[in-house]
Amino acid sequence: MRYPVADEQAVQRFEQKYELVPEAFRWFLLECGGGVVGSEWIDGIEQLPRSHQKFRSEQGPDGWQMTEAFVIAWDGAGNPIAIDKNSGSVLTENHDLGGIHTLASSFEQFLESGLRASEA
């Protein structure tokens, strides 16, 4: 299952309102759209604004601590999944256990891991 692919204009509209989309995720939106990667639903262009609004509204001293993060999804437990804007790694922040955890060293590795998980 997946979301429809985005067109360049939709990505640009998102960027004008929110922030620049990391290159690897831009490719994903334009070529794949969004959908299941491993066990997680990764946002398509239509879901992305809602995720960014939610993350921003919950960020702060008593909320999410990730700062240089581009949110791409929420896991089944309600934790954000994001691309670190500096390193490109894929992170999550766990509201139950605490802390920020690396899921993959890059978005490409995150996709590859998800594909391998789907084959198992």
PDB file of N, CA and C in Angstrom:
ATOM      1  N   MET A   1       0.840  -1.173   0.000  1.00  0.00           N
ATOM      2  CA  MET A   1       0.000   0.000   0.000  1.00  0.00           C
ATOM      3  C   MET A   1       0.888   1.240   0.000  1.00  0.00           C
ATOM      4  N   ARG A   2       0.409   2.250  -0.688  1.00  0.00           N
ATOM      5  CA  ARG A   2       1.177   3.488  -0.728  1.00  0.00           C
ATOM      6  C   ARG A   2       0.283   4.675  -1.042  1.00  0.00           C
ATOM      7  N   TYR A   3       0.844   5.866  -0.784  1.00  0.00           N
ATOM      8  CA  TYR A   3       0.170   7.115  -1.123  1.00  0.00           C
ATOM      9  C   TYR A   3       0.573   7.499  -2.544  1.00  0.00           C
ATOM     10  N   PRO A   4      -0.231   8.325  -3.220  1.00  0.00           N
ATOM     11  CA  PRO A   4       0.109   8.760  -4.572  1.00  0.00           C
ATOM     12  C   PRO A   4       1.419   9.566  -4.597  1.00  0.00           C
ATOM     13  N   VAL A   5       2.117   9.500  -5.729  1.00  0.00           N
ATOM     14  CA  VAL A   5       3.345  10.287  -5.875  1.00  0.00           C
ATOM     15  C   VAL A   5       2.989  11.774  -5.887  1.00  0.00           C
ATOM     16  N   ALA A   6       3.918  12.567  -5.412  1.00  0.00           N
ATOM     17  CA  ALA A   6       3.757  14.024  -5.394  1.00  0.00           C
ATOM     18  C   ALA A   6       4.281  14.601  -6.698  1.00  0.00           C
ATOM     19  N   ASP A   7       3.812  15.780  -7.050  1.00  0.00           N
ATOM     20  CA  ASP A   7       4.439  16.491  -8.155  1.00  0.00           C
ATOM     21  C   ASP A   7       5.303  17.613  -7.570  1.00  0.00           C
ATOM     22  N   GLU A   8       6.176  18.141  -8.381  1.00  0.00           N
ATOM     23  CA  GLU A   8       7.134  19.157  -7.929  1.00  0.00           C
ATOM     24  C   GLU A   8       6.429  20.374  -7.341  1.00  0.00           C
ATOM     25  N   GLN A   9       5.292  20.767  -7.922  1.00  0.00           N
ATOM     26  CA  GLN A   9       4.570  21.932  -7.428  1.00  0.00           C
ATOM     27  C   GLN A   9       4.048  21.706  -6.002  1.00  0.00           C
ATOM     28  N   ALA A  10       3.577  20.505  -5.721  1.00  0.00           N
ATOM     29  CA  ALA A  10       3.086  20.197  -4.375  1.00  0.00           C
ATOM     30  C   ALA A  10       4.225  20.243  -3.360  1.00  0.00           C
ATOM     31  N   VAL A  11       5.381  19.731  -3.742  1.00  0.00           N
ATOM     32  CA  VAL A  11       6.540  19.774  -2.845  1.00  0.00           C
ATOM     33  C   VAL A  11       6.956  21.227  -2.608  1.00  0.00           C
ATOM     34  N   GLN A  12       6.962  22.033  -3.652  1.00  0.00           N
ATOM     35  CA  GLN A  12       7.321  23.444  -3.505  1.00  0.00           C
ATOM     36  C   GLN A  12       6.319  24.194  -2.629  1.00  0.00           C
ATOM     37  N   ARG A  13       5.037  23.886  -2.750  1.00  0.00           N
ATOM     38  CA  ARG A  13       4.027  24.521  -1.888  1.00  0.00           C
ATOM     39  C   ARG A  13       4.284  24.161  -0.426  1.00  0.00           C
ATOM     40  N   PHE A  14       4.609  22.894  -0.178  1.00  0.00           N
ATOM     41  CA  PHE A  14       4.933  22.486   1.196  1.00  0.00           C
ATOM     42  C   PHE A  14       6.133  23.278   1.701  1.00  0.00           C
ATOM     43  N   GLU A  15       7.168  23.371   0.889  1.00  0.00           N
ATOM     44  CA  GLU A  15       8.391  24.066   1.296  1.00  0.00           C
ATOM     45  C   GLU A  15       8.147  25.547   1.564  1.00  0.00           C
ATOM     46  N   GLN A  16       7.286  26.178   0.802  1.00  0.00           N
ATOM     47  CA  GLN A  16       6.979  27.588   1.021  1.00  0.00           C
ATOM     48  C   GLN A  16       6.291  27.798   2.363  1.00  0.00           C
ATOM     49  N   LYS A  17       5.486  26.846   2.780  1.00  0.00           N
ATOM     50  CA  LYS A  17       4.739  27.003   4.025  1.00  0.00           C
ATOM     51  C   LYS A  17       5.506  26.477   5.247  1.00  0.00           C
ATOM     52  N   TYR A  18       6.319  25.439   5.071  1.00  0.00           N
ATOM     53  CA  TYR A  18       6.959  24.784   6.209  1.00  0.00           C
ATOM     54  C   TYR A  18       8.480  24.908   6.160  1.00  0.00           C
ATOM     55  N   GLU A  19       9.139  24.066   5.393  1.00  0.00           N
ATOM     56  CA  GLU A  19      10.601  24.072   5.314  1.00  0.00           C
ATOM     57  C   GLU A  19      11.052  23.235   4.133  1.00  0.00           C
ATOM     58  N   LEU A  20      12.335  23.350   3.792  1.00  0.00           N
ATOM     59  CA  LEU A  20      12.879  22.578   2.685  1.00  0.00           C
ATOM     60  C   LEU A  20      12.830  21.085   2.980  1.00  0.00           C
ATOM     61  N   VAL A  21      12.490  20.312   1.969  1.00  0.00           N
ATOM     62  CA  VAL A  21      12.435  18.861   2.083  1.00  0.00           C
ATOM     63  C   VAL A  21      13.835  18.314   1.794  1.00  0.00           C
ATOM     64  N   PRO A  22      14.378  17.465   2.673  1.00  0.00           N
ATOM     65  CA  PRO A  22      15.685  16.855   2.394  1.00  0.00           C
ATOM     66  C   PRO A  22      15.668  16.125   1.050  1.00  0.00           C
ATOM     67  N   GLU A  23      16.781  16.183   0.331  1.00  0.00           N
ATOM     68  CA  GLU A  23      16.845  15.639  -1.037  1.00  0.00           C
ATOM     69  C   GLU A  23      16.407  14.188  -1.138  1.00  0.00           C
ATOM     70  N   ALA A  24      16.859  13.331  -0.239  1.00  0.00           N
ATOM     71  CA  ALA A  24      16.495  11.912  -0.309  1.00  0.00           C
ATOM     72  C   ALA A  24      14.990  11.728  -0.124  1.00  0.00           C
ATOM     73  N   PHE A  25      14.391  12.522   0.758  1.00  0.00           N
ATOM     74  CA  PHE A  25      12.955  12.402   0.970  1.00  0.00           C
ATOM     75  C   PHE A  25      12.179  13.043  -0.180  1.00  0.00           C
ATOM     76  N   ARG A  26      12.724  14.091  -0.767  1.00  0.00           N
ATOM     77  CA  ARG A  26      12.109  14.707  -1.954  1.00  0.00           C
ATOM     78  C   ARG A  26      11.997  13.647  -3.059  1.00  0.00           C
ATOM     79  N   TRP A  27      13.086  12.906  -3.287  1.00  0.00           N
ATOM     80  CA  TRP A  27      13.067  11.838  -4.295  1.00  0.00           C
ATOM     81  C   TRP A  27      11.958  10.847  -3.966  1.00  0.00           C
ATOM     82  N   PHE A  28      11.864  10.444  -2.697  1.00  0.00           N
ATOM     83  CA  PHE A  28      10.860   9.479  -2.257  1.00  0.00           C
ATOM     84  C   PHE A  28       9.445   9.988  -2.558  1.00  0.00           C
ATOM     85  N   LEU A  29       9.175  11.240  -2.225  1.00  0.00           N
ATOM     86  CA  LEU A  29       7.846  11.807  -2.488  1.00  0.00           C
ATOM     87  C   LEU A  29       7.526  11.833  -3.974  1.00  0.00           C
ATOM     88  N   LEU A  30       8.493  12.219  -4.798  1.00  0.00           N
ATOM     89  CA  LEU A  30       8.276  12.369  -6.242  1.00  0.00           C
ATOM     90  C   LEU A  30       8.220  11.032  -6.981  1.00  0.00           C
ATOM     91  N   GLU A  31       8.933  10.030  -6.471  1.00  0.00           N
ATOM     92  CA  GLU A  31       9.007   8.744  -7.173  1.00  0.00           C
ATOM     93  C   GLU A  31       8.144   7.654  -6.549  1.00  0.00           C
ATOM     94  N   CYS A  32       7.992   7.675  -5.238  1.00  0.00           N
ATOM     95  CA  CYS A  32       7.279   6.606  -4.532  1.00  0.00           C
ATOM     96  C   CYS A  32       5.974   7.087  -3.905  1.00  0.00           C
ATOM     97  N   GLY A  33       5.911   8.344  -3.547  1.00  0.00           N
ATOM     98  CA  GLY A  33       4.719   8.918  -2.948  1.00  0.00           C
ATOM     99  C   GLY A  33       4.714   8.864  -1.442  1.00  0.00           C
ATOM    100  N   GLY A  34       4.807   7.720  -0.893  1.00  0.00           N
ATOM    101  CA  GLY A  34       4.731   7.495   0.542  1.00  0.00           C
ATOM    102  C   GLY A  34       4.040   6.177   0.768  1.00  0.00           C
ATOM    103  N   GLY A  35       4.102   5.681   1.974  1.00  0.00           N
ATOM    104  CA  GLY A  35       3.447   4.413   2.271  1.00  0.00           C
ATOM    105  C   GLY A  35       4.279   3.583   3.225  1.00  0.00           C
ATOM    106  N   VAL A  36       4.022   2.301   3.220  1.00  0.00           N
ATOM    107  CA  VAL A  36       4.645   1.398   4.179  1.00  0.00           C
ATOM    108  C   VAL A  36       6.113   1.167   3.836  1.00  0.00           C
ATOM    109  N   VAL A  37       6.959   1.383   4.842  1.00  0.00           N
ATOM    110  CA  VAL A  37       8.385   1.044   4.772  1.00  0.00           C
ATOM    111  C   VAL A  37       8.649   0.201   6.011  1.00  0.00           C
ATOM    112  N   GLY A  38       8.932  -1.074   5.806  1.00  0.00           N
ATOM    113  CA  GLY A  38       9.049  -1.978   6.941  1.00  0.00           C
ATOM    114  C   GLY A  38       7.692  -2.099   7.603  1.00  0.00           C
ATOM    115  N   SER A  39       7.602  -1.666   8.852  1.00  0.00           N
ATOM    116  CA  SER A  39       6.331  -1.728   9.571  1.00  0.00           C
ATOM    117  C   SER A  39       5.701  -0.348   9.777  1.00  0.00           C
ATOM    118  N   GLU A  40       6.301   0.684   9.194  1.00  0.00           N
ATOM    119  CA  GLU A  40       5.834   2.058   9.429  1.00  0.00           C
ATOM    120  C   GLU A  40       5.238   2.682   8.168  1.00  0.00           C
ATOM    121  N   TRP A  41       4.231   3.529   8.372  1.00  0.00           N
ATOM    122  CA  TRP A  41       3.659   4.317   7.283  1.00  0.00           C
ATOM    123  C   TRP A  41       4.432   5.629   7.195  1.00  0.00           C
ATOM    124  N   ILE A  42       5.098   5.856   6.072  1.00  0.00           N
ATOM    125  CA  ILE A  42       5.854   7.092   5.850  1.00  0.00           C
ATOM    126  C   ILE A  42       4.955   8.046   5.067  1.00  0.00           C
ATOM    127  N   ASP A  43       4.923   9.300   5.498  1.00  0.00           N
ATOM    128  CA  ASP A  43       4.017  10.295   4.925  1.00  0.00           C
ATOM    129  C   ASP A  43       4.209  10.493   3.432  1.00  0.00           C
ATOM    130  N   GLY A  44       3.098  10.727   2.768  1.00  0.00           N
ATOM    131  CA  GLY A  44       3.093  11.263   1.423  1.00  0.00           C
ATOM    132  C   GLY A  44       2.954  12.779   1.542  1.00  0.00           C
ATOM    133  N   ILE A  45       2.915  13.473   0.425  1.00  0.00           N
ATOM    134  CA  ILE A  45       2.863  14.934   0.454  1.00  0.00           C
ATOM    135  C   ILE A  45       1.578  15.441   1.117  1.00  0.00           C
ATOM    136  N   GLU A  46       0.490  14.700   1.023  1.00  0.00           N
ATOM    137  CA  GLU A  46      -0.769  15.148   1.638  1.00  0.00           C
ATOM    138  C   GLU A  46      -0.755  14.994   3.161  1.00  0.00           C
ATOM    139  N   GLN A  47      -0.015  14.032   3.689  1.00  0.00           N
ATOM    140  CA  GLN A  47       0.051  13.799   5.127  1.00  0.00           C
ATOM    141  C   GLN A  47       1.122  14.652   5.800  1.00  0.00           C
ATOM    142  N   LEU A  48       2.113  15.058   5.051  1.00  0.00           N
ATOM    143  CA  LEU A  48       3.277  15.756   5.604  1.00  0.00           C
ATOM    144  C   LEU A  48       2.938  17.044   6.361  1.00  0.00           C
ATOM    145  N   PRO A  49       2.063  17.913   5.862  1.00  0.00           N
ATOM    146  CA  PRO A  49       1.746  19.131   6.629  1.00  0.00           C
ATOM    147  C   PRO A  49       1.180  18.827   8.017  1.00  0.00           C
ATOM    148  N   ARG A  50       0.303  17.853   8.109  1.00  0.00           N
ATOM    149  CA  ARG A  50      -0.295  17.491   9.400  1.00  0.00           C
ATOM    150  C   ARG A  50       0.785  17.016  10.372  1.00  0.00           C
ATOM    151  N   SER A  51       1.724  16.223   9.886  1.00  0.00           N
ATOM    152  CA  SER A  51       2.808  15.740  10.745  1.00  0.00           C
ATOM    153  C   SER A  51       3.671  16.885  11.249  1.00  0.00           C
ATOM    154  N   HIS A  52       3.962  17.845  10.373  1.00  0.00           N
ATOM    155  CA  HIS A  52       4.797  18.983  10.785  1.00  0.00           C
ATOM    156  C   HIS A  52       4.054  19.883  11.761  1.00  0.00           C
ATOM    157  N   GLN A  53       2.772  20.089  11.548  1.00  0.00           N
ATOM    158  CA  GLN A  53       1.981  20.887  12.490  1.00  0.00           C
ATOM    159  C   GLN A  53       1.920  20.216  13.852  1.00  0.00           C
ATOM    160  N   LYS A  54       1.679  18.921  13.875  1.00  0.00           N
ATOM    161  CA  LYS A  54       1.611  18.164  15.125  1.00  0.00           C
ATOM    162  C   LYS A  54       2.945  18.231  15.861  1.00  0.00           C
ATOM    163  N   PHE A  55       4.032  17.978  15.149  1.00  0.00           N
ATOM    164  CA  PHE A  55       5.346  17.981  15.779  1.00  0.00           C
ATOM    165  C   PHE A  55       5.660  19.358  16.370  1.00  0.00           C
ATOM    166  N   ARG A  56       5.429  20.403  15.598  1.00  0.00           N
ATOM    167  CA  ARG A  56       5.700  21.770  16.082  1.00  0.00           C
ATOM    168  C   ARG A  56       4.866  22.109  17.309  1.00  0.00           C
ATOM    169  N   SER A  57       3.611  21.699  17.321  1.00  0.00           N
ATOM    170  CA  SER A  57       2.742  22.026  18.456  1.00  0.00           C
ATOM    171  C   SER A  57       3.122  21.256  19.719  1.00  0.00           C
ATOM    172  N   GLU A  58       3.802  20.124  19.559  1.00  0.00           N
ATOM    173  CA  GLU A  58       4.177  19.294  20.704  1.00  0.00           C
ATOM    174  C   GLU A  58       5.656  19.414  21.075  1.00  0.00           C
ATOM    175  N   GLN A  59       6.398  20.242  20.378  1.00  0.00           N
ATOM    176  CA  GLN A  59       7.827  20.406  20.624  1.00  0.00           C
ATOM    177  C   GLN A  59       8.043  21.409  21.754  1.00  0.00           C
ATOM    178  N   GLY A  60       9.079  21.200  22.555  1.00  0.00           N
ATOM    179  CA  GLY A  60       9.390  22.167  23.605  1.00  0.00           C
ATOM    180  C   GLY A  60       9.853  21.498  24.880  1.00  0.00           C
ATOM    181  N   PRO A  61       9.966  22.270  25.947  1.00  0.00           N
ATOM    182  CA  PRO A  61      10.510  21.751  27.205  1.00  0.00           C
ATOM    183  C   PRO A  61       9.785  20.510  27.737  1.00  0.00           C
ATOM    184  N   ASP A  62       8.474  20.461  27.581  1.00  0.00           N
ATOM    185  CA  ASP A  62       7.712  19.314  28.068  1.00  0.00           C
ATOM    186  C   ASP A  62       7.296  18.377  26.945  1.00  0.00           C
ATOM    187  N   GLY A  63       7.817  18.607  25.746  1.00  0.00           N
ATOM    188  CA  GLY A  63       7.431  17.804  24.591  1.00  0.00           C
ATOM    189  C   GLY A  63       8.634  17.214  23.889  1.00  0.00           C
ATOM    190  N   TRP A  64       8.516  17.112  22.570  1.00  0.00           N
ATOM    191  CA  TRP A  64       9.595  16.523  21.762  1.00  0.00           C
ATOM    192  C   TRP A  64      10.847  17.378  21.849  1.00  0.00           C
ATOM    193  N   GLN A  65      11.990  16.706  21.972  1.00  0.00           N
ATOM    194  CA  GLN A  65      13.266  17.386  22.142  1.00  0.00           C
ATOM    195  C   GLN A  65      14.085  17.481  20.855  1.00  0.00           C
ATOM    196  N   MET A  66      13.727  16.708  19.842  1.00  0.00           N
ATOM    197  CA  MET A  66      14.467  16.785  18.579  1.00  0.00           C
ATOM    198  C   MET A  66      14.333  18.198  18.033  1.00  0.00           C
ATOM    199  N   THR A  67      15.453  18.807  17.640  1.00  0.00           N
ATOM    200  CA  THR A  67      15.396  20.179  17.143  1.00  0.00           C
ATOM    201  C   THR A  67      15.690  20.269  15.651  1.00  0.00           C
ATOM    202  N   GLU A  68      16.739  19.677  15.183  1.00  0.00           N
ATOM    203  CA  GLU A  68      17.107  19.738  13.759  1.00  0.00           C
ATOM    204  C   GLU A  68      16.540  18.529  13.031  1.00  0.00           C
ATOM    205  N   ALA A  69      15.218  18.378  13.091  1.00  0.00           N
ATOM    206  CA  ALA A  69      14.563  17.190  12.569  1.00  0.00           C
ATOM    207  C   ALA A  69      13.494  17.559  11.549  1.00  0.00           C
ATOM    208  N   PHE A  70      13.451  16.795  10.468  1.00  0.00           N
ATOM    209  CA  PHE A  70      12.409  16.923   9.459  1.00  0.00           C
ATOM    210  C   PHE A  70      11.518  15.687   9.600  1.00  0.00           C
ATOM    211  N   VAL A  71      10.342  15.866  10.158  1.00  0.00           N
ATOM    212  CA  VAL A  71       9.448  14.744  10.457  1.00  0.00           C
ATOM    213  C   VAL A  71       8.887  14.155   9.167  1.00  0.00           C
ATOM    214  N   ILE A  72       8.956  12.817   9.073  1.00  0.00           N
ATOM    215  CA  ILE A  72       8.456  12.122   7.884  1.00  0.00           C
ATOM    216  C   ILE A  72       7.319  11.159   8.218  1.00  0.00           C
ATOM    217  N   ALA A  73       7.075  10.928   9.523  1.00  0.00           N
ATOM    218  CA  ALA A  73       6.032   9.980   9.916  1.00  0.00           C
ATOM    219  C   ALA A  73       5.894   9.948  11.430  1.00  0.00           C
ATOM    220  N   TRP A  74       4.885   9.211  11.872  1.00  0.00           N
ATOM    221  CA  TRP A  74       4.680   8.891  13.289  1.00  0.00           C
ATOM    222  C   TRP A  74       4.543   7.381  13.365  1.00  0.00           C
ATOM    223  N   ASP A  75       5.279   6.764  14.290  1.00  0.00           N
ATOM    224  CA  ASP A  75       5.183   5.308  14.391  1.00  0.00           C
ATOM    225  C   ASP A  75       3.890   4.897  15.082  1.00  0.00           C
ATOM    226  N   GLY A  76       3.655   3.607  15.165  1.00  0.00           N
ATOM    227  CA  GLY A  76       2.420   3.089  15.737  1.00  0.00           C
ATOM    228  C   GLY A  76       2.214   3.443  17.201  1.00  0.00           C
ATOM    229  N   ALA A  77       3.291   3.814  17.888  1.00  0.00           N
ATOM    230  CA  ALA A  77       3.197   4.204  19.297  1.00  0.00           C
ATOM    231  C   ALA A  77       3.061   5.715  19.467  1.00  0.00           C
ATOM    232  N   GLY A  78       3.013   6.460  18.352  1.00  0.00           N
ATOM    233  CA  GLY A  78       2.861   7.908  18.426  1.00  0.00           C
ATOM    234  C   GLY A  78       4.161   8.677  18.550  1.00  0.00           C
ATOM    235  N   ASN A  79       5.276   8.036  18.207  1.00  0.00           N
ATOM    236  CA  ASN A  79       6.584   8.696  18.240  1.00  0.00           C
ATOM    237  C   ASN A  79       6.939   9.228  16.858  1.00  0.00           C
ATOM    238  N   PRO A  80       7.547  10.413  16.778  1.00  0.00           N
ATOM    239  CA  PRO A  80       7.926  10.943  15.465  1.00  0.00           C
ATOM    240  C   PRO A  80       9.107  10.186  14.873  1.00  0.00           C
ATOM    241  N   ILE A  81       9.065  10.024  13.571  1.00  0.00           N
ATOM    242  CA  ILE A  81      10.200   9.514  12.797  1.00  0.00           C
ATOM    243  C   ILE A  81      10.659  10.685  11.949  1.00  0.00           C
ATOM    244  N   ALA A  82      11.955  10.992  11.978  1.00  0.00           N
ATOM    245  CA  ALA A  82      12.449  12.202  11.322  1.00  0.00           C
ATOM    246  C   ALA A  82      13.811  11.977  10.692  1.00  0.00           C
ATOM    247  N   ILE A  83      14.131  12.844   9.747  1.00  0.00           N
ATOM    248  CA  ILE A  83      15.465  12.891   9.154  1.00  0.00           C
ATOM    249  C   ILE A  83      16.213  14.023   9.833  1.00  0.00           C
ATOM    250  N   ASP A  84      17.391  13.714  10.381  1.00  0.00           N
ATOM    251  CA  ASP A  84      18.229  14.743  10.996  1.00  0.00           C
ATOM    252  C   ASP A  84      18.743  15.654   9.893  1.00  0.00           C
ATOM    253  N   LYS A  85      18.514  16.954  10.025  1.00  0.00           N
ATOM    254  CA  LYS A  85      18.882  17.912   8.974  1.00  0.00           C
ATOM    255  C   LYS A  85      20.391  18.056   8.803  1.00  0.00           C
ATOM    256  N   ASN A  86      21.156  17.726   9.821  1.00  0.00           N
ATOM    257  CA  ASN A  86      22.610  17.857   9.731  1.00  0.00           C
ATOM    258  C   ASN A  86      23.278  16.595   9.210  1.00  0.00           C
ATOM    259  N   SER A  87      22.915  15.445   9.738  1.00  0.00           N
ATOM    260  CA  SER A  87      23.603  14.197   9.378  1.00  0.00           C
ATOM    261  C   SER A  87      22.880  13.397   8.308  1.00  0.00           C
ATOM    262  N   GLY A  88      21.573  13.612   8.146  1.00  0.00           N
ATOM    263  CA  GLY A  88      20.795  12.822   7.201  1.00  0.00           C
ATOM    264  C   GLY A  88      20.318  11.503   7.777  1.00  0.00           C
ATOM    265  N   SER A  89      20.676  11.203   9.022  1.00  0.00           N
ATOM    266  CA  SER A  89      20.244   9.943   9.629  1.00  0.00           C
ATOM    267  C   SER A  89      18.745  10.007   9.953  1.00  0.00           C
ATOM    268  N   VAL A  90      18.151   8.831  10.083  1.00  0.00           N
ATOM    269  CA  VAL A  90      16.733   8.734  10.416  1.00  0.00           C
ATOM    270  C   VAL A  90      16.628   8.429  11.901  1.00  0.00           C
ATOM    271  N   LEU A  91      15.851   9.258  12.600  1.00  0.00           N
ATOM    272  CA  LEU A  91      15.746   9.203  14.057  1.00  0.00           C
ATOM    273  C   LEU A  91      14.312   9.000  14.497  1.00  0.00           C
ATOM    274  N   THR A  92      14.177   8.575  15.727  1.00  0.00           N
ATOM    275  CA  THR A  92      12.886   8.595  16.392  1.00  0.00           C
ATOM    276  C   THR A  92      13.116   9.044  17.824  1.00  0.00           C
ATOM    277  N   GLU A  93      12.099   9.625  18.402  1.00  0.00           N
ATOM    278  CA  GLU A  93      12.156  10.013  19.805  1.00  0.00           C
ATOM    279  C   GLU A  93      11.060   9.244  20.528  1.00  0.00           C
ATOM    280  N   ASN A  94      11.436   8.505  21.561  1.00  0.00           N
ATOM    281  CA  ASN A  94      10.496   7.634  22.249  1.00  0.00           C
ATOM    282  C   ASN A  94       9.908   8.323  23.469  1.00  0.00           C
ATOM    283  N   HIS A  95       8.589   8.559  23.440  1.00  0.00           N
ATOM    284  CA  HIS A  95       7.957   9.267  24.555  1.00  0.00           C
ATOM    285  C   HIS A  95       7.809   8.390  25.791  1.00  0.00           C
ATOM    286  N   ASP A  96       7.854   7.065  25.665  1.00  0.00           N
ATOM    287  CA  ASP A  96       7.737   6.183  26.823  1.00  0.00           C
ATOM    288  C   ASP A  96       9.089   5.931  27.486  1.00  0.00           C
ATOM    289  N   LEU A  97      10.086   5.578  26.694  1.00  0.00           N
ATOM    290  CA  LEU A  97      11.403   5.244  27.224  1.00  0.00           C
ATOM    291  C   LEU A  97      12.327   6.443  27.315  1.00  0.00           C
ATOM    292  N   GLY A  98      11.983   7.499  26.581  1.00  0.00           N
ATOM    293  CA  GLY A  98      12.829   8.684  26.546  1.00  0.00           C
ATOM    294  C   GLY A  98      13.969   8.520  25.565  1.00  0.00           C
ATOM    295  N   GLY A  99      14.530   9.633  25.185  1.00  0.00           N
ATOM    296  CA  GLY A  99      15.700   9.627  24.321  1.00  0.00           C
ATOM    297  C   GLY A  99      15.390   9.643  22.840  1.00  0.00           C
ATOM    298  N   ILE A 100      16.418  10.046  22.111  1.00  0.00           N
ATOM    299  CA  ILE A 100      16.378  10.084  20.650  1.00  0.00           C
ATOM    300  C   ILE A 100      17.232   8.930  20.165  1.00  0.00           C
ATOM    301  N   HIS A 101      16.698   8.143  19.243  1.00  0.00           N
ATOM    302  CA  HIS A 101      17.364   6.923  18.799  1.00  0.00           C
ATOM    303  C   HIS A 101      17.517   6.924  17.289  1.00  0.00           C
ATOM    304  N   THR A 102      18.657   6.451  16.809  1.00  0.00           N
ATOM    305  CA  THR A 102      18.928   6.362  15.377  1.00  0.00           C
ATOM    306  C   THR A 102      18.347   5.068  14.829  1.00  0.00           C
ATOM    307  N   LEU A 103      17.524   5.186  13.797  1.00  0.00           N
ATOM    308  CA  LEU A 103      16.950   4.028  13.120  1.00  0.00           C
ATOM    309  C   LEU A 103      17.809   3.595  11.942  1.00  0.00           C
ATOM    310  N   ALA A 104      18.456   4.562  11.289  1.00  0.00           N
ATOM    311  CA  ALA A 104      19.308   4.275  10.131  1.00  0.00           C
ATOM    312  C   ALA A 104      20.250   5.448   9.923  1.00  0.00           C
ATOM    313  N   SER A 105      21.393   5.187   9.316  1.00  0.00           N
ATOM    314  CA  SER A 105      22.377   6.251   9.106  1.00  0.00           C
ATOM    315  C   SER A 105      21.997   7.195   7.973  1.00  0.00           C
ATOM    316  N   SER A 106      21.028   6.788   7.143  1.00  0.00           N
ATOM    317  CA  SER A 106      20.545   7.641   6.053  1.00  0.00           C
ATOM    318  C   SER A 106      19.128   7.207   5.691  1.00  0.00           C
ATOM    319  N   PHE A 107      18.426   8.049   4.939  1.00  0.00           N
ATOM    320  CA  PHE A 107      17.086   7.672   4.503  1.00  0.00           C
ATOM    321  C   PHE A 107      17.168   6.484   3.549  1.00  0.00           C
ATOM    322  N   GLU A 108      18.206   6.440   2.718  1.00  0.00           N
ATOM    323  CA  GLU A 108      18.386   5.318   1.803  1.00  0.00           C
ATOM    324  C   GLU A 108      18.527   4.014   2.577  1.00  0.00           C
ATOM    325  N   GLN A 109      19.331   4.026   3.650  1.00  0.00           N
ATOM    326  CA  GLN A 109      19.492   2.826   4.466  1.00  0.00           C
ATOM    327  C   GLN A 109      18.168   2.455   5.140  1.00  0.00           C
ATOM    328  N   PHE A 110      17.413   3.454   5.575  1.00  0.00           N
ATOM    329  CA  PHE A 110      16.096   3.215   6.168  1.00  0.00           C
ATOM    330  C   PHE A 110      15.187   2.501   5.170  1.00  0.00           C
ATOM    331  N   LEU A 111      15.184   2.950   3.907  1.00  0.00           N
ATOM    332  CA  LEU A 111      14.378   2.304   2.875  1.00  0.00           C
ATOM    333  C   LEU A 111      14.839   0.871   2.627  1.00  0.00           C
ATOM    334  N   GLU A 112      16.145   0.679   2.518  1.00  0.00           N
ATOM    335  CA  GLU A 112      16.694  -0.666   2.291  1.00  0.00           C
ATOM    336  C   GLU A 112      16.322  -1.608   3.424  1.00  0.00           C
ATOM    337  N   SER A 113      16.424  -1.139   4.663  1.00  0.00           N
ATOM    338  CA  SER A 113      16.057  -1.963   5.818  1.00  0.00           C
ATOM    339  C   SER A 113      14.579  -2.326   5.766  1.00  0.00           C
ATOM    340  N   GLY A 114      13.753  -1.370   5.369  1.00  0.00           N
ATOM    341  CA  GLY A 114      12.326  -1.626   5.252  1.00  0.00           C
ATOM    342  C   GLY A 114      12.010  -2.637   4.181  1.00  0.00           C
ATOM    343  N   LEU A 115      12.742  -2.587   3.066  1.00  0.00           N
ATOM    344  CA  LEU A 115      12.520  -3.546   1.996  1.00  0.00           C
ATOM    345  C   LEU A 115      12.940  -4.955   2.436  1.00  0.00           C
ATOM    346  N   ARG A 116      14.069  -5.058   3.139  1.00  0.00           N
ATOM    347  CA  ARG A 116      14.522  -6.358   3.629  1.00  0.00           C
ATOM    348  C   ARG A 116      13.518  -6.926   4.637  1.00  0.00           C
ATOM    349  N   ALA A 117      12.963  -6.066   5.485  1.00  0.00           N
ATOM    350  CA  ALA A 117      11.983  -6.513   6.473  1.00  0.00           C
ATOM    351  C   ALA A 117      10.727  -7.038   5.776  1.00  0.00           C
ATOM    352  N   SER A 118      10.353  -6.421   4.655  1.00  0.00           N
ATOM    353  CA  SER A 118       9.169  -6.847   3.912  1.00  0.00           C
ATOM    354  C   SER A 118       9.367  -8.202   3.258  1.00  0.00           C
ATOM    355  N   GLU A 119      10.618  -8.528   2.913  1.00  0.00           N
ATOM    356  CA  GLU A 119      10.925  -9.790   2.254  1.00  0.00           C
ATOM    357  C   GLU A 119      10.953 -10.941   3.241  1.00  0.00           C
ATOM    358  N   ALA A 120      11.194 -10.647   4.498  1.00  0.00           N
ATOM    359  CA  ALA A 120      11.342 -11.715   5.506  1.00  0.00           C
ATOM    360  C   ALA A 120      10.029 -12.390   5.838  1.00  0.00           C
TER     361      ALA A 120
END
